[in-house]
Amino acid sequence: MTRTLLLSLAFSGLTAAANAACYADYKAKQDDPLRLHYGVAEITGPCTAANATVELAPRVAQDGWTLLNIVTTFDDAGLNERKESAGDFFLRY
């Protein structure tokens, strides 16, 4: 019974981690004239900078932006503190 309980707790922890929200803050640009923006976007796959780059580059490109870099990835705890800085680009992409 103890083993079953431990396995159950382990799997529930993995499920919670898999369902945890992931966000990335990023920088993007447009050329001619040069425009820059800082934004925050939700990431659906693994919560890594590499995955965020793969997900975000085509999203921002739809509006003519080029993704420059991923600043960081984070969970819900860091979301509200970035809202004002991201302005119109908060969860836009």
Protein backbone atom coordinates (compact mmCIF):
# COMPACT_ATOMS: atom_id res chain seq x y z
CA MET A 1 0.00 0.00 0.00
CA THR A 2 2.83 2.42 0.79
CA ARG A 3 4.39 1.82 -2.61
CA THR A 4 1.06 2.51 -4.34
CA LEU A 5 0.65 5.72 -2.37
CA LEU A 6 4.17 6.89 -3.25
CA LEU A 7 3.65 6.14 -6.94
CA SER A 8 0.34 7.96 -6.88
CA LEU A 9 1.92 11.03 -5.30
CA ALA A 10 4.79 10.95 -7.78
CA PHE A 11 2.44 10.81 -10.78
CA SER A 12 0.23 13.57 -9.42
CA GLY A 13 3.32 15.74 -8.99
CA LEU A 14 4.36 15.10 -12.58
CA THR A 15 0.86 15.94 -13.79
CA ALA A 16 0.85 19.20 -11.83
CA ALA A 17 4.25 20.14 -13.27
CA ALA A 18 3.07 19.31 -16.78
CA ASN A 19 -0.01 21.49 -16.32
CA ALA A 20 1.85 24.44 -14.77
CA ALA A 21 1.56 27.64 -16.75
CA CYS A 22 4.64 28.82 -18.60
CA TYR A 23 5.35 32.28 -19.95
CA ALA A 24 8.25 33.91 -21.73
CA ASP A 25 9.22 37.52 -21.90
CA TYR A 26 10.89 38.46 -25.15
CA LYS A 27 12.14 41.28 -27.35
CA ALA A 28 11.16 41.76 -30.99
CA LYS A 29 11.76 44.30 -33.77
CA GLN A 30 10.41 45.61 -37.04
CA ASP A 31 12.55 47.32 -39.66
CA ASP A 32 12.01 50.40 -41.80
CA PRO A 33 11.41 52.27 -39.60
CA LEU A 34 13.05 50.47 -36.72
CA ARG A 35 10.56 49.62 -33.97
CA LEU A 36 11.25 47.52 -30.88
CA HIS A 37 8.95 45.94 -28.36
CA TYR A 38 9.09 43.93 -25.17
CA GLY A 39 6.33 41.40 -24.62
CA VAL A 40 5.08 38.48 -22.59
CA ALA A 41 3.56 35.37 -24.16
CA GLU A 42 2.21 32.07 -22.89
CA ILE A 43 4.18 29.01 -23.95
CA THR A 44 2.40 25.68 -24.39
CA GLY A 45 5.30 23.24 -24.68
CA PRO A 46 8.30 22.72 -22.43
CA CYS A 47 9.10 25.80 -20.36
CA THR A 48 12.51 26.49 -21.88
CA ALA A 49 13.99 29.40 -23.79
CA ALA A 50 14.66 27.12 -26.76
CA ASN A 51 11.03 26.00 -26.96
CA ALA A 52 9.79 29.56 -26.41
CA THR A 53 11.89 30.68 -29.40
CA VAL A 54 10.39 27.96 -31.60
CA GLU A 55 6.84 28.84 -30.53
CA LEU A 56 7.10 32.63 -30.55
CA ALA A 57 9.08 33.35 -33.72
CA PRO A 58 6.20 32.42 -36.08
CA ARG A 59 3.60 34.07 -33.84
CA VAL A 60 5.25 37.48 -33.88
CA ALA A 61 6.22 37.10 -37.55
CA GLN A 62 2.53 37.06 -38.49
CA ASP A 63 2.45 40.79 -37.67
CA GLY A 64 5.80 41.59 -39.28
CA TRP A 65 7.94 41.32 -36.13
CA THR A 66 11.25 39.50 -35.85
CA LEU A 67 11.93 37.78 -32.55
CA LEU A 68 15.25 39.02 -31.19
CA ASN A 69 15.55 36.97 -28.03
CA ILE A 70 13.83 35.29 -25.12
CA VAL A 71 14.66 37.18 -21.95
CA THR A 72 13.49 34.43 -19.60
CA THR A 73 10.80 31.84 -19.02
CA PHE A 74 8.73 31.81 -15.84
CA ASP A 75 5.50 30.61 -14.22
CA ASP A 76 2.42 32.41 -12.88
CA ALA A 77 4.41 33.94 -10.04
CA GLY A 78 6.23 36.30 -12.40
CA LEU A 79 3.32 37.25 -14.61
CA ASN A 80 1.79 40.32 -12.92
CA GLU A 81 5.10 42.07 -12.33
CA ARG A 82 5.72 42.16 -16.10
CA LYS A 83 2.27 43.35 -17.18
CA GLU A 84 2.96 47.08 -17.10
CA SER A 85 6.31 46.78 -18.88
CA ALA A 86 4.81 44.69 -21.69
CA GLY A 87 1.88 47.06 -22.23
CA ASP A 88 0.03 46.22 -25.47
CA PHE A 89 2.25 43.16 -25.95
CA PHE A 90 1.21 41.49 -22.68
CA LEU A 91 -0.12 38.06 -23.72
CA ARG A 92 -0.74 39.36 -27.27
CA TYR A 93 1.08 36.48 -28.97
